[in-house]
Amino acid sequence: MNTTQPSENRRNPWTHVLVASCAVFIFTVFLMLAAAFNRNAAALSRFFDSHGLLVLGIEVGVILGLAIVVMAVERRETLQRIEERERSLLENAVAATSNRTETPSQSPTGAESP
């Protein structure tokens, strides 16, 4: 029996990029809230007043694009794993069938059957 299985610990590197871009989005929202309620952050408030929606829009677009890339890569890797498992199952079935045909079956009395 073939005991080698594909590594289940393979990580998609794009997932880390997606998580980082989500963290940047959350950080931007917190900066916007801090600028809105802090009187000392006048320059940051002016920046977010004039460019805040653009910054958030770009970040959402990047997140959506990365999510599509992550899903495509995960789909490809999942299909490859399924093909590897199917190939392994077929090899095991062929090996089991060839082992059955090579060893003659014996009857309970100990005599070989024709």
PDB file of N, CA and C in Angstrom:
ATOM      1  N   MET A   1       0.845  -1.181   0.000  1.00  0.00           N
ATOM      2  CA  MET A   1       0.000   0.000   0.000  1.00  0.00           C
ATOM      3  C   MET A   1       0.887   1.239   0.000  1.00  0.00           C
ATOM      4  N   ASN A   2       0.500   2.192  -0.762  1.00  0.00           N
ATOM      5  CA  ASN A   2       1.263   3.434  -0.860  1.00  0.00           C
ATOM      6  C   ASN A   2       0.897   4.339   0.311  1.00  0.00           C
ATOM      7  N   THR A   3       1.879   4.638   1.178  1.00  0.00           N
ATOM      8  CA  THR A   3       1.594   5.438   2.368  1.00  0.00           C
ATOM      9  C   THR A   3       1.992   6.887   2.208  1.00  0.00           C
ATOM     10  N   THR A   4       2.565   7.240   1.077  1.00  0.00           N
ATOM     11  CA  THR A   4       2.946   8.635   0.883  1.00  0.00           C
ATOM     12  C   THR A   4       1.714   9.435   0.482  1.00  0.00           C
ATOM     13  N   GLN A   5       1.460  10.478   1.217  1.00  0.00           N
ATOM     14  CA  GLN A   5       0.345  11.358   0.906  1.00  0.00           C
ATOM     15  C   GLN A   5       0.880  12.760   0.720  1.00  0.00           C
ATOM     16  N   PRO A   6       0.187  13.577  -0.054  1.00  0.00           N
ATOM     17  CA  PRO A   6       0.657  14.949  -0.247  1.00  0.00           C
ATOM     18  C   PRO A   6       0.658  15.704   1.069  1.00  0.00           C
ATOM     19  N   SER A   7       1.572  16.628   1.170  1.00  0.00           N
ATOM     20  CA  SER A   7       1.685  17.418   2.394  1.00  0.00           C
ATOM     21  C   SER A   7       0.442  18.266   2.591  1.00  0.00           C
ATOM     22  N   GLU A   8      -0.211  18.088   3.725  1.00  0.00           N
ATOM     23  CA  GLU A   8      -1.415  18.862   4.027  1.00  0.00           C
ATOM     24  C   GLU A   8      -1.061  20.218   4.620  1.00  0.00           C
ATOM     25  N   ASN A   9       0.214  20.463   4.897  1.00  0.00           N
ATOM     26  CA  ASN A   9       0.627  21.714   5.530  1.00  0.00           C
ATOM     27  C   ASN A   9       1.089  22.757   4.523  1.00  0.00           C
ATOM     28  N   ARG A  10       0.826  22.518   3.245  1.00  0.00           N
ATOM     29  CA  ARG A  10       1.207  23.518   2.253  1.00  0.00           C
ATOM     30  C   ARG A  10       0.366  24.765   2.460  1.00  0.00           C
ATOM     31  N   ARG A  11       1.035  25.893   2.479  1.00  0.00           N
ATOM     32  CA  ARG A  11       0.336  27.167   2.686  1.00  0.00           C
ATOM     33  C   ARG A  11       0.386  27.975   1.409  1.00  0.00           C
ATOM     34  N   ASN A  12      -0.684  28.659   1.149  1.00  0.00           N
ATOM     35  CA  ASN A  12      -0.752  29.554   0.014  1.00  0.00           C
ATOM     36  C   ASN A  12      -0.119  30.885   0.429  1.00  0.00           C
ATOM     37  N   PRO A  13       0.957  31.311  -0.218  1.00  0.00           N
ATOM     38  CA  PRO A  13       1.597  32.570   0.192  1.00  0.00           C
ATOM     39  C   PRO A  13       0.701  33.789  -0.036  1.00  0.00           C
ATOM     40  N   TRP A  14      -0.243  33.690  -0.940  1.00  0.00           N
ATOM     41  CA  TRP A  14      -1.142  34.817  -1.195  1.00  0.00           C
ATOM     42  C   TRP A  14      -2.085  35.058  -0.029  1.00  0.00           C
ATOM     43  N   THR A  15      -2.308  34.028   0.775  1.00  0.00           N
ATOM     44  CA  THR A  15      -3.179  34.193   1.933  1.00  0.00           C
ATOM     45  C   THR A  15      -2.589  35.202   2.904  1.00  0.00           C
ATOM     46  N   HIS A  16      -1.282  35.158   3.087  1.00  0.00           N
ATOM     47  CA  HIS A  16      -0.617  36.098   3.994  1.00  0.00           C
ATOM     48  C   HIS A  16      -0.720  37.526   3.473  1.00  0.00           C
ATOM     49  N   VAL A  17      -0.621  37.692   2.170  1.00  0.00           N
ATOM     50  CA  VAL A  17      -0.754  39.019   1.576  1.00  0.00           C
ATOM     51  C   VAL A  17      -2.179  39.540   1.767  1.00  0.00           C
ATOM     52  N   LEU A  18      -3.166  38.650   1.604  1.00  0.00           N
ATOM     53  CA  LEU A  18      -4.562  39.046   1.807  1.00  0.00           C
ATOM     54  C   LEU A  18      -4.808  39.459   3.253  1.00  0.00           C
ATOM     55  N   VAL A  19      -4.280  38.703   4.195  1.00  0.00           N
ATOM     56  CA  VAL A  19      -4.456  39.050   5.610  1.00  0.00           C
ATOM     57  C   VAL A  19      -3.783  40.390   5.919  1.00  0.00           C
ATOM     58  N   ALA A  20      -2.605  40.619   5.353  1.00  0.00           N
ATOM     59  CA  ALA A  20      -1.907  41.889   5.577  1.00  0.00           C
ATOM     60  C   ALA A  20      -2.697  43.061   4.998  1.00  0.00           C
ATOM     61  N   SER A  21      -3.280  42.872   3.815  1.00  0.00           N
ATOM     62  CA  SER A  21      -4.056  43.976   3.225  1.00  0.00           C
ATOM     63  C   SER A  21      -5.335  44.236   4.030  1.00  0.00           C
ATOM     64  N   CYS A  22      -5.937  43.204   4.594  1.00  0.00           N
ATOM     65  CA  CYS A  22      -7.101  43.410   5.476  1.00  0.00           C
ATOM     66  C   CYS A  22      -6.686  44.161   6.738  1.00  0.00           C
ATOM     67  N   ALA A  23      -5.501  43.845   7.256  1.00  0.00           N
ATOM     68  CA  ALA A  23      -5.005  44.551   8.442  1.00  0.00           C
ATOM     69  C   ALA A  23      -4.757  46.027   8.126  1.00  0.00           C
ATOM     70  N   VAL A  24      -4.238  46.314   6.934  1.00  0.00           N
ATOM     71  CA  VAL A  24      -4.019  47.707   6.526  1.00  0.00           C
ATOM     72  C   VAL A  24      -5.359  48.435   6.424  1.00  0.00           C
ATOM     73  N   PHE A  25      -6.376  47.765   5.906  1.00  0.00           N
ATOM     74  CA  PHE A  25      -7.703  48.367   5.813  1.00  0.00           C
ATOM     75  C   PHE A  25      -8.244  48.713   7.207  1.00  0.00           C
ATOM     76  N   ILE A  26      -8.129  47.782   8.133  1.00  0.00           N
ATOM     77  CA  ILE A  26      -8.608  48.027   9.501  1.00  0.00           C
ATOM     78  C   ILE A  26      -7.823  49.160  10.144  1.00  0.00           C
ATOM     79  N   PHE A  27      -6.509  49.176   9.918  1.00  0.00           N
ATOM     80  CA  PHE A  27      -5.672  50.236  10.462  1.00  0.00           C
ATOM     81  C   PHE A  27      -6.087  51.601   9.896  1.00  0.00           C
ATOM     82  N   THR A  28      -6.413  51.639   8.606  1.00  0.00           N
ATOM     83  CA  THR A  28      -6.853  52.889   7.982  1.00  0.00           C
ATOM     84  C   THR A  28      -8.166  53.379   8.596  1.00  0.00           C
ATOM     85  N   VAL A  29      -9.088  52.454   8.836  1.00  0.00           N
ATOM     86  CA  VAL A  29     -10.366  52.838   9.444  1.00  0.00           C
ATOM     87  C   VAL A  29     -10.123  53.391  10.849  1.00  0.00           C
ATOM     88  N   PHE A  30      -9.250  52.739  11.621  1.00  0.00           N
ATOM     89  CA  PHE A  30      -8.938  53.255  12.960  1.00  0.00           C
ATOM     90  C   PHE A  30      -8.264  54.625  12.895  1.00  0.00           C
ATOM     91  N   LEU A  31      -7.386  54.832  11.905  1.00  0.00           N
ATOM     92  CA  LEU A  31      -6.773  56.149  11.736  1.00  0.00           C
ATOM     93  C   LEU A  31      -7.822  57.208  11.397  1.00  0.00           C
ATOM     94  N   MET A  32      -8.789  56.829  10.570  1.00  0.00           N
ATOM     95  CA  MET A  32      -9.851  57.778  10.223  1.00  0.00           C
ATOM     96  C   MET A  32     -10.674  58.142  11.457  1.00  0.00           C
ATOM     97  N   LEU A  33     -10.982  57.150  12.278  1.00  0.00           N
ATOM     98  CA  LEU A  33     -11.726  57.427  13.509  1.00  0.00           C
ATOM     99  C   LEU A  33     -10.912  58.294  14.464  1.00  0.00           C
ATOM    100  N   ALA A  34      -9.625  57.986  14.583  1.00  0.00           N
ATOM    101  CA  ALA A  34      -8.773  58.779  15.475  1.00  0.00           C
ATOM    102  C   ALA A  34      -8.650  60.211  14.980  1.00  0.00           C
ATOM    103  N   ALA A  35      -8.538  60.389  13.667  1.00  0.00           N
ATOM    104  CA  ALA A  35      -8.419  61.736  13.116  1.00  0.00           C
ATOM    105  C   ALA A  35      -9.719  62.515  13.284  1.00  0.00           C
ATOM    106  N   ALA A  36     -10.836  61.808  13.242  1.00  0.00           N
ATOM    107  CA  ALA A  36     -12.121  62.488  13.375  1.00  0.00           C
ATOM    108  C   ALA A  36     -12.358  62.990  14.795  1.00  0.00           C
ATOM    109  N   PHE A  37     -11.866  62.266  15.787  1.00  0.00           N
ATOM    110  CA  PHE A  37     -12.149  62.628  17.177  1.00  0.00           C
ATOM    111  C   PHE A  37     -10.972  63.290  17.894  1.00  0.00           C
ATOM    112  N   ASN A  38      -9.861  63.480  17.219  1.00  0.00           N
ATOM    113  CA  ASN A  38      -8.688  64.094  17.843  1.00  0.00           C
ATOM    114  C   ASN A  38      -8.452  65.467  17.219  1.00  0.00           C
ATOM    115  N   ARG A  39      -8.453  66.473  18.040  1.00  0.00           N
ATOM    116  CA  ARG A  39      -8.243  67.833  17.521  1.00  0.00           C
ATOM    117  C   ARG A  39      -6.793  68.087  17.142  1.00  0.00           C
ATOM    118  N   ASN A  40      -5.870  67.316  17.673  1.00  0.00           N
ATOM    119  CA  ASN A  40      -4.451  67.516  17.373  1.00  0.00           C
ATOM    120  C   ASN A  40      -4.036  66.916  16.028  1.00  0.00           C
ATOM    121  N   ALA A  41      -4.877  66.127  15.416  1.00  0.00           N
ATOM    122  CA  ALA A  41      -4.549  65.475  14.144  1.00  0.00           C
ATOM    123  C   ALA A  41      -5.204  66.208  12.983  1.00  0.00           C
ATOM    124  N   ALA A  42      -4.957  67.492  12.890  1.00  0.00           N
ATOM    125  CA  ALA A  42      -5.611  68.302  11.860  1.00  0.00           C
ATOM    126  C   ALA A  42      -5.133  67.928  10.458  1.00  0.00           C
ATOM    127  N   ALA A  43      -3.838  67.670  10.296  1.00  0.00           N
ATOM    128  CA  ALA A  43      -3.322  67.335   8.967  1.00  0.00           C
ATOM    129  C   ALA A  43      -3.888  65.993   8.492  1.00  0.00           C
ATOM    130  N   LEU A  44      -3.941  65.038   9.394  1.00  0.00           N
ATOM    131  CA  LEU A  44      -4.501  63.735   9.049  1.00  0.00           C
ATOM    132  C   LEU A  44      -5.999  63.846   8.734  1.00  0.00           C
ATOM    133  N   SER A  45      -6.684  64.693   9.477  1.00  0.00           N
ATOM    134  CA  SER A  45      -8.115  64.909   9.221  1.00  0.00           C
ATOM    135  C   SER A  45      -8.341  65.527   7.850  1.00  0.00           C
ATOM    136  N   ARG A  46      -7.519  66.502   7.491  1.00  0.00           N
ATOM    137  CA  ARG A  46      -7.658  67.121   6.162  1.00  0.00           C
ATOM    138  C   ARG A  46      -7.371  66.109   5.060  1.00  0.00           C
ATOM    139  N   PHE A  47      -6.346  65.259   5.265  1.00  0.00           N
ATOM    140  CA  PHE A  47      -6.015  64.239   4.263  1.00  0.00           C
ATOM    141  C   PHE A  47      -7.192  63.279   4.074  1.00  0.00           C
ATOM    142  N   PHE A  48      -7.762  62.798   5.172  1.00  0.00           N
ATOM    143  CA  PHE A  48      -8.866  61.851   5.056  1.00  0.00           C
ATOM    144  C   PHE A  48     -10.141  62.524   4.559  1.00  0.00           C
ATOM    145  N   ASP A  49     -10.304  63.808   4.830  1.00  0.00           N
ATOM    146  CA  ASP A  49     -11.459  64.524   4.291  1.00  0.00           C
ATOM    147  C   ASP A  49     -11.399  64.595   2.767  1.00  0.00           C
ATOM    148  N   SER A  50     -10.207  64.820   2.253  1.00  0.00           N
ATOM    149  CA  SER A  50     -10.094  64.969   0.798  1.00  0.00           C
ATOM    150  C   SER A  50      -9.843  63.643   0.067  1.00  0.00           C
ATOM    151  N   HIS A  51      -9.174  62.689   0.705  1.00  0.00           N
ATOM    152  CA  HIS A  51      -8.791  61.450   0.010  1.00  0.00           C
ATOM    153  C   HIS A  51      -9.253  60.170   0.715  1.00  0.00           C
ATOM    154  N   GLY A  52     -10.022  60.274   1.763  1.00  0.00           N
ATOM    155  CA  GLY A  52     -10.380  59.105   2.563  1.00  0.00           C
ATOM    156  C   GLY A  52     -11.152  58.049   1.793  1.00  0.00           C
ATOM    157  N   LEU A  53     -12.156  58.468   1.043  1.00  0.00           N
ATOM    158  CA  LEU A  53     -12.935  57.491   0.286  1.00  0.00           C
ATOM    159  C   LEU A  53     -12.109  56.843  -0.815  1.00  0.00           C
ATOM    160  N   LEU A  54     -11.219  57.592  -1.422  1.00  0.00           N
ATOM    161  CA  LEU A  54     -10.349  57.030  -2.443  1.00  0.00           C
ATOM    162  C   LEU A  54      -9.430  55.965  -1.839  1.00  0.00           C
ATOM    163  N   VAL A  55      -8.842  56.277  -0.679  1.00  0.00           N
ATOM    164  CA  VAL A  55      -7.956  55.319  -0.010  1.00  0.00           C
ATOM    165  C   VAL A  55      -8.720  54.046   0.338  1.00  0.00           C
ATOM    166  N   LEU A  56      -9.913  54.189   0.912  1.00  0.00           N
ATOM    167  CA  LEU A  56     -10.711  53.011   1.267  1.00  0.00           C
ATOM    168  C   LEU A  56     -11.139  52.230   0.027  1.00  0.00           C
ATOM    169  N   GLY A  57     -11.486  52.938  -1.029  1.00  0.00           N
ATOM    170  CA  GLY A  57     -11.870  52.268  -2.274  1.00  0.00           C
ATOM    171  C   GLY A  57     -10.734  51.457  -2.866  1.00  0.00           C
ATOM    172  N   ILE A  58      -9.539  52.029  -2.866  1.00  0.00           N
ATOM    173  CA  ILE A  58      -8.374  51.309  -3.377  1.00  0.00           C
ATOM    174  C   ILE A  58      -8.092  50.077  -2.517  1.00  0.00           C
ATOM    175  N   GLU A  59      -8.193  50.234  -1.209  1.00  0.00           N
ATOM    176  CA  GLU A  59      -7.930  49.100  -0.323  1.00  0.00           C
ATOM    177  C   GLU A  59      -8.964  47.993  -0.516  1.00  0.00           C
ATOM    178  N   VAL A  60     -10.228  48.355  -0.676  1.00  0.00           N
ATOM    179  CA  VAL A  60     -11.260  47.340  -0.918  1.00  0.00           C
ATOM    180  C   VAL A  60     -11.010  46.640  -2.255  1.00  0.00           C
ATOM    181  N   GLY A  61     -10.625  47.396  -3.276  1.00  0.00           N
ATOM    182  CA  GLY A  61     -10.308  46.793  -4.576  1.00  0.00           C
ATOM    183  C   GLY A  61      -9.145  45.825  -4.488  1.00  0.00           C
ATOM    184  N   VAL A  62      -8.119  46.207  -3.744  1.00  0.00           N
ATOM    185  CA  VAL A  62      -6.963  45.319  -3.567  1.00  0.00           C
ATOM    186  C   VAL A  62      -7.383  44.053  -2.830  1.00  0.00           C
ATOM    187  N   ILE A  63      -8.205  44.202  -1.795  1.00  0.00           N
ATOM    188  CA  ILE A  63      -8.669  43.036  -1.038  1.00  0.00           C
ATOM    189  C   ILE A  63      -9.480  42.098  -1.935  1.00  0.00           C
ATOM    190  N   LEU A  64     -10.380  42.653  -2.739  1.00  0.00           N
ATOM    191  CA  LEU A  64     -11.181  41.817  -3.642  1.00  0.00           C
ATOM    192  C   LEU A  64     -10.296  41.109  -4.674  1.00  0.00           C
ATOM    193  N   GLY A  65      -9.337  41.822  -5.240  1.00  0.00           N
ATOM    194  CA  GLY A  65      -8.427  41.204  -6.201  1.00  0.00           C
ATOM    195  C   GLY A  65      -7.612  40.079  -5.580  1.00  0.00           C
ATOM    196  N   LEU A  66      -7.088  40.324  -4.388  1.00  0.00           N
ATOM    197  CA  LEU A  66      -6.311  39.287  -3.710  1.00  0.00           C
ATOM    198  C   LEU A  66      -7.177  38.094  -3.323  1.00  0.00           C
ATOM    199  N   ALA A  67      -8.424  38.348  -2.940  1.00  0.00           N
ATOM    200  CA  ALA A  67      -9.324  37.246  -2.596  1.00  0.00           C
ATOM    201  C   ALA A  67      -9.569  36.350  -3.807  1.00  0.00           C
ATOM    202  N   ILE A  68      -9.709  36.945  -4.974  1.00  0.00           N
ATOM    203  CA  ILE A  68      -9.897  36.156  -6.198  1.00  0.00           C
ATOM    204  C   ILE A  68      -8.649  35.335  -6.496  1.00  0.00           C
ATOM    205  N   VAL A  69      -7.479  35.938  -6.340  1.00  0.00           N
ATOM    206  CA  VAL A  69      -6.225  35.209  -6.564  1.00  0.00           C
ATOM    207  C   VAL A  69      -6.096  34.047  -5.577  1.00  0.00           C
ATOM    208  N   VAL A  70      -6.399  34.285  -4.311  1.00  0.00           N
ATOM    209  CA  VAL A  70      -6.299  33.231  -3.301  1.00  0.00           C
ATOM    210  C   VAL A  70      -7.250  32.084  -3.635  1.00  0.00           C
ATOM    211  N   MET A  71      -8.484  32.409  -4.019  1.00  0.00           N
ATOM    212  CA  MET A  71      -9.437  31.346  -4.358  1.00  0.00           C
ATOM    213  C   MET A  71      -8.994  30.544  -5.586  1.00  0.00           C
ATOM    214  N   ALA A  72      -8.433  31.221  -6.577  1.00  0.00           N
ATOM    215  CA  ALA A  72      -7.973  30.521  -7.779  1.00  0.00           C
ATOM    216  C   ALA A  72      -6.811  29.586  -7.457  1.00  0.00           C
ATOM    217  N   VAL A  73      -5.866  30.060  -6.650  1.00  0.00           N
ATOM    218  CA  VAL A  73      -4.721  29.223  -6.290  1.00  0.00           C
ATOM    219  C   VAL A  73      -5.167  28.045  -5.423  1.00  0.00           C
ATOM    220  N   GLU A  74      -6.059  28.289  -4.486  1.00  0.00           N
ATOM    221  CA  GLU A  74      -6.568  27.210  -3.636  1.00  0.00           C
ATOM    222  C   GLU A  74      -7.318  26.165  -4.468  1.00  0.00           C
ATOM    223  N   ARG A  75      -8.080  26.619  -5.453  1.00  0.00           N
ATOM    224  CA  ARG A  75      -8.806  25.683  -6.310  1.00  0.00           C
ATOM    225  C   ARG A  75      -7.836  24.810  -7.092  1.00  0.00           C
ATOM    226  N   ARG A  76      -6.800  25.420  -7.660  1.00  0.00           N
ATOM    227  CA  ARG A  76      -5.814  24.655  -8.415  1.00  0.00           C
ATOM    228  C   ARG A  76      -5.131  23.627  -7.529  1.00  0.00           C
ATOM    229  N   GLU A  77      -4.728  24.026  -6.317  1.00  0.00           N
ATOM    230  CA  GLU A  77      -4.057  23.097  -5.406  1.00  0.00           C
ATOM    231  C   GLU A  77      -4.994  21.988  -4.948  1.00  0.00           C
ATOM    232  N   THR A  78      -6.262  22.302  -4.732  1.00  0.00           N
ATOM    233  CA  THR A  78      -7.223  21.283  -4.324  1.00  0.00           C
ATOM    234  C   THR A  78      -7.429  20.265  -5.437  1.00  0.00           C
ATOM    235  N   LEU A  79      -7.546  20.729  -6.668  1.00  0.00           N
ATOM    236  CA  LEU A  79      -7.692  19.804  -7.796  1.00  0.00           C
ATOM    237  C   LEU A  79      -6.454  18.926  -7.955  1.00  0.00           C
ATOM    238  N   GLN A  80      -5.273  19.480  -7.724  1.00  0.00           N
ATOM    239  CA  GLN A  80      -4.052  18.671  -7.794  1.00  0.00           C
ATOM    240  C   GLN A  80      -4.038  17.606  -6.705  1.00  0.00           C
ATOM    241  N   ARG A  81      -4.456  17.967  -5.486  1.00  0.00           N
ATOM    242  CA  ARG A  81      -4.510  16.985  -4.392  1.00  0.00           C
ATOM    243  C   ARG A  81      -5.516  15.880  -4.694  1.00  0.00           C
ATOM    244  N   ILE A  82      -6.658  16.246  -5.276  1.00  0.00           N
ATOM    245  CA  ILE A  82      -7.657  15.238  -5.624  1.00  0.00           C
ATOM    246  C   ILE A  82      -7.097  14.289  -6.672  1.00  0.00           C
ATOM    247  N   GLU A  83      -6.406  14.823  -7.680  1.00  0.00           N
ATOM    248  CA  GLU A  83      -5.801  13.977  -8.709  1.00  0.00           C
ATOM    249  C   GLU A  83      -4.744  13.053  -8.107  1.00  0.00           C
ATOM    250  N   GLU A  84      -3.934  13.560  -7.173  1.00  0.00           N
ATOM    251  CA  GLU A  84      -2.923  12.719  -6.525  1.00  0.00           C
ATOM    252  C   GLU A  84      -3.572  11.593  -5.740  1.00  0.00           C
ATOM    253  N   ARG A  85      -4.637  11.878  -5.025  1.00  0.00           N
ATOM    254  CA  ARG A  85      -5.335  10.838  -4.251  1.00  0.00           C
ATOM    255  C   ARG A  85      -5.982   9.812  -5.165  1.00  0.00           C
ATOM    256  N   GLU A  86      -6.591  10.271  -6.254  1.00  0.00           N
ATOM    257  CA  GLU A  86      -7.190   9.331  -7.204  1.00  0.00           C
ATOM    258  C   GLU A  86      -6.126   8.438  -7.820  1.00  0.00           C
ATOM    259  N   ARG A  87      -4.993   9.025  -8.188  1.00  0.00           N
ATOM    260  CA  ARG A  87      -3.900   8.252  -8.761  1.00  0.00           C
ATOM    261  C   ARG A  87      -3.403   7.213  -7.759  1.00  0.00           C
ATOM    262  N   SER A  88      -3.277   7.609  -6.502  1.00  0.00           N
ATOM    263  CA  SER A  88      -2.824   6.694  -5.464  1.00  0.00           C
ATOM    264  C   SER A  88      -3.824   5.562  -5.258  1.00  0.00           C
ATOM    265  N   LEU A  89      -5.115   5.884  -5.254  1.00  0.00           N
ATOM    266  CA  LEU A  89      -6.134   4.852  -5.106  1.00  0.00           C
ATOM    267  C   LEU A  89      -6.113   3.869  -6.274  1.00  0.00           C
ATOM    268  N   LEU A  90      -5.940   4.386  -7.484  1.00  0.00           N
ATOM    269  CA  LEU A  90      -5.869   3.503  -8.652  1.00  0.00           C
ATOM    270  C   LEU A  90      -4.646   2.605  -8.591  1.00  0.00           C
ATOM    271  N   GLU A  91      -3.507   3.152  -8.180  1.00  0.00           N
ATOM    272  CA  GLU A  91      -2.299   2.337  -8.055  1.00  0.00           C
ATOM    273  C   GLU A  91      -2.489   1.247  -7.013  1.00  0.00           C
ATOM    274  N   ASN A  92      -3.128   1.584  -5.887  1.00  0.00           N
ATOM    275  CA  ASN A  92      -3.379   0.599  -4.847  1.00  0.00           C
ATOM    276  C   ASN A  92      -4.343  -0.477  -5.326  1.00  0.00           C
ATOM    277  N   ALA A  93      -5.351  -0.087  -6.097  1.00  0.00           N
ATOM    278  CA  ALA A  93      -6.308  -1.055  -6.615  1.00  0.00           C
ATOM    279  C   ALA A  93      -5.642  -1.999  -7.611  1.00  0.00           C
ATOM    280  N   VAL A  94      -4.801  -1.461  -8.467  1.00  0.00           N
ATOM    281  CA  VAL A  94      -4.087  -2.292  -9.437  1.00  0.00           C
ATOM    282  C   VAL A  94      -3.141  -3.240  -8.713  1.00  0.00           C
ATOM    283  N   ALA A  95      -2.448  -2.747  -7.704  1.00  0.00           N
ATOM    284  CA  ALA A  95      -1.530  -3.590  -6.940  1.00  0.00           C
ATOM    285  C   ALA A  95      -2.291  -4.689  -6.206  1.00  0.00           C
ATOM    286  N   ALA A  96      -3.434  -4.368  -5.639  1.00  0.00           N
ATOM    287  CA  ALA A  96      -4.223  -5.374  -4.931  1.00  0.00           C
ATOM    288  C   ALA A  96      -4.771  -6.419  -5.895  1.00  0.00           C
ATOM    289  N   THR A  97      -5.197  -5.987  -7.073  1.00  0.00           N
ATOM    290  CA  THR A  97      -5.711  -6.922  -8.073  1.00  0.00           C
ATOM    291  C   THR A  97      -4.607  -7.839  -8.568  1.00  0.00           C
ATOM    292  N   SER A  98      -3.437  -7.295  -8.798  1.00  0.00           N
ATOM    293  CA  SER A  98      -2.329  -8.137  -9.272  1.00  0.00           C
ATOM    294  C   SER A  98      -1.876  -9.096  -8.178  1.00  0.00           C
ATOM    295  N   ASN A  99      -1.928  -8.709  -6.939  1.00  0.00           N
ATOM    296  CA  ASN A  99      -1.570  -9.614  -5.840  1.00  0.00           C
ATOM    297  C   ASN A  99      -2.583 -10.746  -5.733  1.00  0.00           C
ATOM    298  N   ARG A 100      -3.861 -10.485  -5.959  1.00  0.00           N
ATOM    299  CA  ARG A 100      -4.899 -11.497  -5.886  1.00  0.00           C
ATOM    300  C   ARG A 100      -4.758 -12.518  -7.001  1.00  0.00           C
ATOM    301  N   THR A 101      -4.395 -12.062  -8.201  1.00  0.00           N
ATOM    302  CA  THR A 101      -4.269 -12.993  -9.327  1.00  0.00           C
ATOM    303  C   THR A 101      -2.983 -13.794  -9.250  1.00  0.00           C
ATOM    304  N   GLU A 102      -1.957 -13.295  -8.593  1.00  0.00           N
ATOM    305  CA  GLU A 102      -0.690 -14.017  -8.489  1.00  0.00           C
ATOM    306  C   GLU A 102      -0.739 -15.105  -7.426  1.00  0.00           C
ATOM    307  N   THR A 103      -1.421 -14.891  -6.330  1.00  0.00           N
ATOM    308  CA  THR A 103      -1.489 -15.892  -5.264  1.00  0.00           C
ATOM    309  C   THR A 103      -2.749 -16.708  -5.442  1.00  0.00           C
ATOM    310  N   PRO A 104      -2.609 -18.029  -5.651  1.00  0.00           N
ATOM    311  CA  PRO A 104      -3.803 -18.864  -5.842  1.00  0.00           C
ATOM    312  C   PRO A 104      -4.560 -18.982  -4.510  1.00  0.00           C
ATOM    313  N   SER A 105      -5.872 -19.012  -4.627  1.00  0.00           N
ATOM    314  CA  SER A 105      -6.677 -19.146  -3.416  1.00  0.00           C
ATOM    315  C   SER A 105      -6.723 -20.601  -3.010  1.00  0.00           C
ATOM    316  N   GLN A 106      -6.790 -20.838  -1.727  1.00  0.00           N
ATOM    317  CA  GLN A 106      -6.812 -22.202  -1.221  1.00  0.00           C
ATOM    318  C   GLN A 106      -8.151 -22.482  -0.579  1.00  0.00           C
ATOM    319  N   SER A 107      -8.569 -23.722  -0.709  1.00  0.00           N
ATOM    320  CA  SER A 107      -9.822 -24.123  -0.091  1.00  0.00           C
ATOM    321  C   SER A 107      -9.591 -24.388   1.383  1.00  0.00           C
ATOM    322  N   PRO A 108     -10.643 -24.503   2.191  1.00  0.00           N
ATOM    323  CA  PRO A 108     -10.466 -24.731   3.623  1.00  0.00           C
ATOM    324  C   PRO A 108      -9.782 -26.043   3.943  1.00  0.00           C
ATOM    325  N   THR A 109      -9.775 -27.014   3.045  1.00  0.00           N
ATOM    326  CA  THR A 109      -9.123 -28.295   3.312  1.00  0.00           C
ATOM    327  C   THR A 109      -7.631 -28.234   3.069  1.00  0.00           C
ATOM    328  N   GLY A 110      -7.177 -27.188   2.476  1.00  0.00           N
ATOM    329  CA  GLY A 110      -5.745 -27.002   2.228  1.00  0.00           C
ATOM    330  C   GLY A 110      -5.365 -27.293   0.802  1.00  0.00           C
ATOM    331  N   ALA A 111      -6.274 -27.796  -0.009  1.00  0.00           N
ATOM    332  CA  ALA A 111      -5.977 -28.082  -1.411  1.00  0.00           C
ATOM    333  C   ALA A 111      -6.203 -26.818  -2.219  1.00  0.00           C
ATOM    334  N   GLU A 112      -5.412 -26.673  -3.280  1.00  0.00           N
ATOM    335  CA  GLU A 112      -5.560 -25.505  -4.127  1.00  0.00           C
ATOM    336  C   GLU A 112      -6.764 -25.668  -5.029  1.00  0.00           C
ATOM    337  N   SER A 113      -7.460 -24.579  -5.254  1.00  0.00           N
ATOM    338  CA  SER A 113      -8.610 -24.616  -6.162  1.00  0.00           C
ATOM    339  C   SER A 113      -8.127 -24.398  -7.579  1.00  0.00           C
ATOM    340  N   PRO A 114      -8.873 -24.920  -8.575  1.00  0.00           N
ATOM    341  CA  PRO A 114      -8.426 -24.792  -9.973  1.00  0.00           C
ATOM    342  C   PRO A 114      -8.450 -23.409 -10.506  1.00  0.00           C
TER     343      PRO A 114
END
